C-alpha atoms as a PDB file:
ATOM      1  CA  UNK A   1     -13.306-104.200  74.025  1.00  0.00           C
ATOM      2  CA  UNK A   2     -17.061-103.790  73.681  1.00  0.00           C
ATOM      3  CA  UNK A   3     -16.614-100.335  75.275  1.00  0.00           C
ATOM      4  CA  UNK A   4     -13.934 -99.278  72.837  1.00  0.00           C
ATOM      5  CA  UNK A   5     -16.130-100.108  69.779  1.00  0.00           C
ATOM      6  CA  UNK A   6     -19.021 -98.232  71.338  1.00  0.00           C
ATOM      7  CA  UNK A   7     -16.786 -95.190  71.731  1.00  0.00           C
ATOM      8  CA  UNK A   8     -15.307 -95.371  68.207  1.00  0.00           C
ATOM      9  CA  UNK A   9     -18.768 -95.730  66.825  1.00  0.00           C
ATOM     10  CA  UNK A  10     -19.933 -92.754  68.739  1.00  0.00           C
ATOM     11  CA  UNK A  11     -16.965 -90.809  67.467  1.00  0.00           C
ATOM     12  CA  UNK A  12     -17.844 -91.639  63.927  1.00  0.00           C
ATOM     13  CA  UNK A  13     -21.399 -90.589  64.263  1.00  0.00           C
ATOM     14  CA  UNK A  14     -20.190 -87.359  65.930  1.00  0.00           C
ATOM     15  CA  UNK A  15     -17.816 -86.768  63.141  1.00  0.00           C
ATOM     16  CA  UNK A  16     -20.413 -87.460  60.468  1.00  0.00           C
ATOM     17  CA  UNK A  17     -22.766 -85.049  62.293  1.00  0.00           C
ATOM     18  CA  UNK A  18     -20.128 -82.509  62.514  1.00  0.00           C
ATOM     19  CA  UNK A  19     -19.197 -82.917  58.828  1.00  0.00           C
ATOM     20  CA  UNK A  20     -22.848 -82.819  57.767  1.00  0.00           C
ATOM     21  CA  UNK A  21     -23.393 -79.559  59.910  1.00  0.00           C
ATOM     22  CA  UNK A  22     -20.299 -78.010  58.305  1.00  0.00           C
ATOM     23  CA  UNK A  23     -21.444 -78.905  54.788  1.00  0.00           C
ATOM     24  CA  UNK A  24     -24.906 -77.438  55.605  1.00  0.00           C
ATOM     25  CA  UNK A  25     -23.477 -74.227  56.852  1.00  0.00           C
ATOM     26  CA  UNK A  26     -21.175 -74.001  53.900  1.00  0.00           C
ATOM     27  CA  UNK A  27     -24.245 -74.591  51.497  1.00  0.00           C
ATOM     28  CA  UNK A  28     -26.187 -71.948  53.425  1.00  0.00           C
ATOM     29  CA  UNK A  29     -23.310 -69.532  53.283  1.00  0.00           C
ATOM     30  CA  UNK A  30     -22.730 -69.960  49.552  1.00  0.00           C
ATOM     31  CA  UNK A  31     -26.592 -69.571  48.865  1.00  0.00           C
ATOM     32  CA  UNK A  32     -26.679 -66.419  51.210  1.00  0.00           C
ATOM     33  CA  UNK A  33     -23.710 -64.558  49.843  1.00  0.00           C
ATOM     34  CA  UNK A  34     -24.792 -64.023  46.227  1.00  0.00           C
ATOM     35  CA  UNK A  35     -28.375 -62.906  47.460  1.00  0.00           C
ATOM     36  CA  UNK A  36     -26.658 -60.334  49.610  1.00  0.00           C
ATOM     37  CA  UNK A  37     -24.192 -59.237  46.963  1.00  0.00           C
ATOM     38  CA  UNK A  38     -26.652 -58.854  44.131  1.00  0.00           C
ATOM     39  CA  UNK A  39     -28.827 -56.133  45.761  1.00  0.00           C
ATOM     40  CA  UNK A  40     -25.694 -54.293  46.801  1.00  0.00           C
ATOM     41  CA  UNK A  41     -24.586 -54.416  43.249  1.00  0.00           C
ATOM     42  CA  UNK A  42     -27.956 -53.362  42.096  1.00  0.00           C
ATOM     43  CA  UNK A  43     -28.259 -50.565  44.585  1.00  0.00           C
ATOM     44  CA  UNK A  44     -24.961 -48.921  43.756  1.00  0.00           C
ATOM     45  CA  UNK A  45     -25.674 -46.885  40.566  1.00  0.00           C
ATOM     46  CA  UNK A  46     -22.934 -46.946  38.075  1.00  0.00           C
ATOM     47  CA  UNK A  47     -21.521 -43.431  37.461  1.00  0.00           C
ATOM     48  CA  UNK A  48     -20.454 -42.942  34.039  1.00  0.00           C
ATOM     49  CA  UNK A  49     -18.079 -40.003  33.579  1.00  0.00           C
ATOM     50  CA  UNK A  50     -19.652 -36.979  31.949  1.00  0.00           C
ATOM     51  CA  UNK A  51     -18.015 -35.821  28.850  1.00  0.00           C
ATOM     52  CA  UNK A  52     -18.182 -32.119  28.230  1.00  0.00           C
ATOM     53  CA  UNK A  53     -19.539 -31.506  24.793  1.00  0.00           C
ATOM     54  CA  UNK A  54     -17.100 -29.816  22.556  1.00  0.00           C
ATOM     55  CA  UNK A  55     -17.993 -26.391  21.234  1.00  0.00           C
ATOM     56  CA  UNK A  56     -18.681 -26.720  17.595  1.00  0.00           C
ATOM     57  CA  UNK A  57     -16.266 -24.247  15.938  1.00  0.00           C
ATOM     58  CA  UNK A  58     -17.529 -23.081  12.572  1.00  0.00           C
ATOM     59  CA  UNK A  59     -14.932 -22.327  10.028  1.00  0.00           C
ATOM     60  CA  UNK A  60     -14.473 -18.605   9.534  1.00  0.00           C
ATOM     61  CA  UNK A  61     -16.109 -17.365   6.463  1.00  0.00           C
ATOM     62  CA  UNK A  62     -15.189 -14.168   4.600  1.00  0.00           C
ATOM     63  CA  UNK A  63     -17.577 -11.361   5.397  1.00  0.00           C
ATOM     64  CA  UNK A  64     -18.770  -9.967   2.004  1.00  0.00           C
ATOM     65  CA  UNK A  65     -17.867  -6.370   1.439  1.00  0.00           C
ATOM     66  CA  UNK A  66     -20.706  -3.977   1.838  1.00  0.00           C
ATOM     67  CA  UNK A  67     -22.054  -2.674  -1.507  1.00  0.00           C
ATOM     68  CA  UNK A  68     -21.803   1.201  -1.705  1.00  0.00           C
ATOM     69  CA  UNK A  69     -25.224   2.675  -1.336  1.00  0.00           C
ATOM     70  CA  UNK A  70     -26.522   5.036  -3.968  1.00  0.00           C
ATOM     71  CA  UNK A  71     -25.925   7.898  -1.662  1.00  0.00           C
ATOM     72  CA  UNK A  72     -22.334   7.114  -1.077  1.00  0.00           C
ATOM     73  CA  UNK A  73     -21.752   6.594  -4.754  1.00  0.00           C
ATOM     74  CA  UNK A  74     -23.266  10.002  -5.495  1.00  0.00           C
ATOM     75  CA  UNK A  75     -21.347  11.794  -3.000  1.00  0.00           C
ATOM     76  CA  UNK A  76     -18.022  10.129  -3.761  1.00  0.00           C
ATOM     77  CA  UNK A  77     -15.487  12.424  -5.403  1.00  0.00           C
ATOM     78  CA  UNK A  78     -14.522   9.690  -7.766  1.00  0.00           C
ATOM     79  CA  UNK A  79     -18.067   9.264  -8.983  1.00  0.00           C
ATOM     80  CA  UNK A  80     -18.564  12.894  -9.801  1.00  0.00           C
ATOM     81  CA  UNK A  81     -18.124  13.450 -13.422  1.00  0.00           C
ATOM     82  CA  UNK A  82     -15.619  16.119 -13.985  1.00  0.00           C
ATOM     83  CA  UNK A  83     -15.010  18.027 -17.140  1.00  0.00           C
ATOM     84  CA  UNK A  84     -11.757  17.761 -18.763  1.00  0.00           C
ATOM     85  CA  UNK A  85      -9.702  20.999 -18.517  1.00  0.00           C
ATOM     86  CA  UNK A  86     -10.136  23.225 -21.530  1.00  0.00           C
ATOM     87  CA  UNK A  87      -7.205  23.141 -23.942  1.00  0.00           C
ATOM     88  CA  UNK A  88      -4.954  26.081 -23.092  1.00  0.00           C
ATOM     89  CA  UNK A  89      -3.382  27.954 -25.967  1.00  0.00           C
ATOM     90  CA  UNK A  90       0.308  27.642 -26.289  1.00  0.00           C
ATOM     91  CA  UNK A  91       2.482  30.198 -24.710  1.00  0.00           C
ATOM     92  CA  UNK A  92       2.455  33.428 -26.528  1.00  0.00           C
ATOM     93  CA  UNK A  93      -0.553  32.764 -28.499  1.00  0.00           C
ATOM     94  CA  UNK A  94      -3.175  35.361 -28.937  1.00  0.00           C
ATOM     95  CA  UNK A  95      -6.938  35.306 -30.025  1.00  0.00           C
ATOM     96  CA  UNK A  96      -7.912  36.347 -33.554  1.00  0.00           C
ATOM     97  CA  UNK A  97     -10.003  39.007 -32.239  1.00  0.00           C
ATOM     98  CA  UNK A  98      -7.202  40.613 -30.214  1.00  0.00           C
ATOM     99  CA  UNK A  99      -4.621  40.249 -33.071  1.00  0.00           C
ATOM    100  CA  UNK A 100      -7.203  42.116 -35.276  1.00  0.00           C
ATOM    101  CA  UNK A 101      -7.701  44.872 -32.524  1.00  0.00           C
ATOM    102  CA  UNK A 102      -3.874  45.047 -32.547  1.00  0.00           C
ATOM    103  CA  UNK A 103      -3.724  45.693 -36.276  1.00  0.00           C
ATOM    104  CA  UNK A 104      -6.282  48.428 -35.871  1.00  0.00           C
ATOM    105  CA  UNK A 105      -4.271  50.095 -33.142  1.00  0.00           C
ATOM    106  CA  UNK A 106      -0.936  49.597 -35.162  1.00  0.00           C
ATOM    107  CA  UNK A 107      -2.449  51.625 -37.961  1.00  0.00           C
ATOM    108  CA  UNK A 108      -4.349  54.100 -35.825  1.00  0.00           C
ATOM    109  CA  UNK A 109      -1.273  55.043 -33.756  1.00  0.00           C
ATOM    110  CA  UNK A 110       0.925  55.360 -36.830  1.00  0.00           C
ATOM    111  CA  UNK A 111       3.244  52.531 -36.163  1.00  0.00           C
ATOM    112  CA  UNK A 112       3.087  51.710 -39.910  1.00  0.00           C
ATOM    113  CA  UNK A 113       5.018  55.024 -40.682  1.00  0.00           C
ATOM    114  CA  UNK A 114       8.193  53.771 -39.260  1.00  0.00           C
ATOM    115  CA  UNK A 115       7.999  49.926 -39.125  1.00  0.00           C
ATOM    116  CA  UNK A 116       7.481  47.121 -41.592  1.00  0.00           C
ATOM    117  CA  UNK A 117       4.787  44.538 -40.734  1.00  0.00           C
ATOM    118  CA  UNK A 118       3.379  42.309 -43.380  1.00  0.00           C
ATOM    119  CA  UNK A 119       0.332  41.379 -41.190  1.00  0.00           C
ATOM    120  CA  UNK A 120      -0.769  44.934 -41.056  1.00  0.00           C
ATOM    121  CA  UNK A 121       0.481  45.698 -44.707  1.00  0.00           C
ATOM    122  CA  UNK A 122       2.965  48.256 -43.206  1.00  0.00           C
ATOM    123  CA  UNK A 123       6.000  49.132 -45.101  1.00  0.00           C
ATOM    124  CA  UNK A 124       7.768  51.799 -42.982  1.00  0.00           C
ATOM    125  CA  UNK A 125      11.436  52.538 -43.365  1.00  0.00           C
ATOM    126  CA  UNK A 126      12.781  54.392 -40.227  1.00  0.00           C
ATOM    127  CA  UNK A 127      12.355  51.744 -37.575  1.00  0.00           C
ATOM    128  CA  UNK A 128      13.299  48.122 -37.349  1.00  0.00           C
ATOM    129  CA  UNK A 129      10.928  45.644 -38.984  1.00  0.00           C
ATOM    130  CA  UNK A 130       8.402  43.961 -36.805  1.00  0.00           C
ATOM    131  CA  UNK A 131       8.274  40.840 -38.871  1.00  0.00           C
ATOM    132  CA  UNK A 132       9.396  38.007 -36.462  1.00  0.00           C
ATOM    133  CA  UNK A 133       9.203  40.388 -33.537  1.00  0.00           C
ATOM    134  CA  UNK A 134       8.572  37.585 -30.871  1.00  0.00           C
ATOM    135  CA  UNK A 135      11.710  35.714 -31.901  1.00  0.00           C
ATOM    136  CA  UNK A 136      13.708  38.951 -31.798  1.00  0.00           C
ATOM    137  CA  UNK A 137      12.384  39.955 -28.439  1.00  0.00           C
ATOM    138  CA  UNK A 138      13.673  36.551 -26.982  1.00  0.00           C
ATOM    139  CA  UNK A 139      17.140  37.335 -28.367  1.00  0.00           C
ATOM    140  CA  UNK A 140      17.028  40.917 -27.007  1.00  0.00           C
ATOM    141  CA  UNK A 141      16.075  39.624 -23.459  1.00  0.00           C
ATOM    142  CA  UNK A 142      19.185  37.451 -23.612  1.00  0.00           C
ATOM    143  CA  UNK A 143      21.546  40.303 -24.841  1.00  0.00           C
ATOM    144  CA  UNK A 144      24.398  41.245 -22.600  1.00  0.00           C
ATOM    145  CA  UNK A 145      23.598  45.044 -23.088  1.00  0.00           C
ATOM    146  CA  UNK A 146      19.870  44.599 -22.330  1.00  0.00           C
ATOM    147  CA  UNK A 147      19.098  46.978 -19.330  1.00  0.00           C
ATOM    148  CA  UNK A 148      15.334  46.650 -19.054  1.00  0.00           C
ATOM    149  CA  UNK A 149      13.291  45.087 -16.407  1.00  0.00           C
ATOM    150  CA  UNK A 150      11.271  42.648 -18.621  1.00  0.00           C
ATOM    151  CA  UNK A 151      11.561  38.910 -18.053  1.00  0.00           C
ATOM    152  CA  UNK A 152       9.125  37.492 -20.632  1.00  0.00           C
ATOM    153  CA  UNK A 153       8.360  38.407 -24.318  1.00  0.00           C
ATOM    154  CA  UNK A 154       5.000  39.992 -23.471  1.00  0.00           C
ATOM    155  CA  UNK A 155       6.729  42.105 -20.789  1.00  0.00           C
ATOM    156  CA  UNK A 156       9.467  43.205 -23.370  1.00  0.00           C
ATOM    157  CA  UNK A 157       6.975  44.139 -26.023  1.00  0.00           C
ATOM    158  CA  UNK A 158       5.057  46.203 -23.509  1.00  0.00           C
ATOM    159  CA  UNK A 159       8.304  47.849 -22.341  1.00  0.00           C
ATOM    160  CA  UNK A 160       9.233  48.654 -25.969  1.00  0.00           C
ATOM    161  CA  UNK A 161       6.046  50.402 -26.488  1.00  0.00           C
ATOM    162  CA  UNK A 162       5.822  52.446 -23.306  1.00  0.00           C
ATOM    163  CA  UNK A 163       9.568  52.871 -22.711  1.00  0.00           C
ATOM    164  CA  UNK A 164      11.510  52.158 -25.899  1.00  0.00           C
ATOM    165  CA  UNK A 165      14.637  53.703 -24.611  1.00  0.00           C
ATOM    166  CA  UNK A 166      14.953  50.786 -22.309  1.00  0.00           C
ATOM    167  CA  UNK A 167      16.515  48.756 -25.053  1.00  0.00           C
ATOM    168  CA  UNK A 168      17.492  50.015 -28.469  1.00  0.00           C
ATOM    169  CA  UNK A 169      18.350  47.233 -30.890  1.00  0.00           C
ATOM    170  CA  UNK A 170      21.722  47.256 -32.564  1.00  0.00           C
ATOM    171  CA  UNK A 171      21.828  49.519 -35.661  1.00  0.00           C
ATOM    172  CA  UNK A 172      19.286  51.941 -34.458  1.00  0.00           C
ATOM    173  CA  UNK A 173      21.088  53.687 -31.575  1.00  0.00           C
ATOM    174  CA  UNK A 174      22.260  56.492 -33.726  1.00  0.00           C
ATOM    175  CA  UNK A 175      19.184  57.151 -35.895  1.00  0.00           C
ATOM    176  CA  UNK A 176      17.869  60.839 -36.051  1.00  0.00           C
ATOM    177  CA  UNK A 177      14.260  59.762 -35.400  1.00  0.00           C
ATOM    178  CA  UNK A 178      14.015  58.022 -32.190  1.00  0.00           C
ATOM    179  CA  UNK A 179      10.682  56.155 -31.258  1.00  0.00           C
ATOM    180  CA  UNK A 180       8.689  58.191 -28.638  1.00  0.00           C
ATOM    181  CA  UNK A 181       7.245  56.541 -25.620  1.00  0.00           C
ATOM    182  CA  UNK A 182       3.632  55.718 -26.423  1.00  0.00           C
ATOM    183  CA  UNK A 183       2.177  56.415 -23.060  1.00  0.00           C
ATOM    184  CA  UNK A 184      -0.772  58.224 -24.675  1.00  0.00           C
ATOM    185  CA  UNK A 185      -2.064  54.902 -25.965  1.00  0.00           C
ATOM    186  CA  UNK A 186      -4.949  53.321 -24.017  1.00  0.00           C
ATOM    187  CA  UNK A 187      -4.535  50.175 -22.043  1.00  0.00           C
ATOM    188  CA  UNK A 188      -6.631  48.276 -24.573  1.00  0.00           C
ATOM    189  CA  UNK A 189      -4.445  49.502 -27.393  1.00  0.00           C
ATOM    190  CA  UNK A 190      -1.321  48.448 -25.618  1.00  0.00           C
ATOM    191  CA  UNK A 191      -2.662  44.927 -24.911  1.00  0.00           C
ATOM    192  CA  UNK A 192      -3.779  44.679 -28.442  1.00  0.00           C
ATOM    193  CA  UNK A 193      -0.466  45.738 -29.919  1.00  0.00           C
ATOM    194  CA  UNK A 194       1.357  43.155 -27.478  1.00  0.00           C
ATOM    195  CA  UNK A 195      -0.828  40.510 -28.789  1.00  0.00           C
ATOM    196  CA  UNK A 196      -0.183  41.260 -32.464  1.00  0.00           C
ATOM    197  CA  UNK A 197       3.600  41.482 -32.030  1.00  0.00           C
ATOM    198  CA  UNK A 198       3.711  38.451 -29.948  1.00  0.00           C
ATOM    199  CA  UNK A 199       2.028  36.474 -32.872  1.00  0.00           C
ATOM    200  CA  UNK A 200       4.876  37.391 -35.113  1.00  0.00           C
ATOM    201  CA  UNK A 201       7.100  34.410 -34.908  1.00  0.00           C
END
């Protein structure tokens, strides 16, 4: 009986010793683990993900138009001042000087002996009147029996002076005194006569 008590007491002591040792080991383990984990945590650097900076995009701005230089303005055809075209005389118009020369030629060549022309103060009776001759020339060009080669009033008047037989107005085809060809007149006289007669509207 005494021996059993001694064994159970020894068992209790041994159990207590084992329990105390286990608690001590546990305490040491708990104290050692954080100490080991902390340096590990400190030695491992935290890697933060790098962010690629966004390229700053500036809003597009309108490029100002280049101002024209003085040289380009000077050479530009739009910048070159141009004179307005001179006023052209109406079709059929003649200068006063040429008309005056025509009156002189009209009298010098003897046209006043056969024709009437108030501008030259001529009162001939054998040939047709030259009053309103430009209007008459337009009508003669459009006549069905016109056989000349003129196409304009000026050409018709010149033809009537140099080749009067190309067209004889109605009422003068049977006259005794036919107009001769004034081929002996100078070119200046012919031009002046044409200008004079073309001015008779």
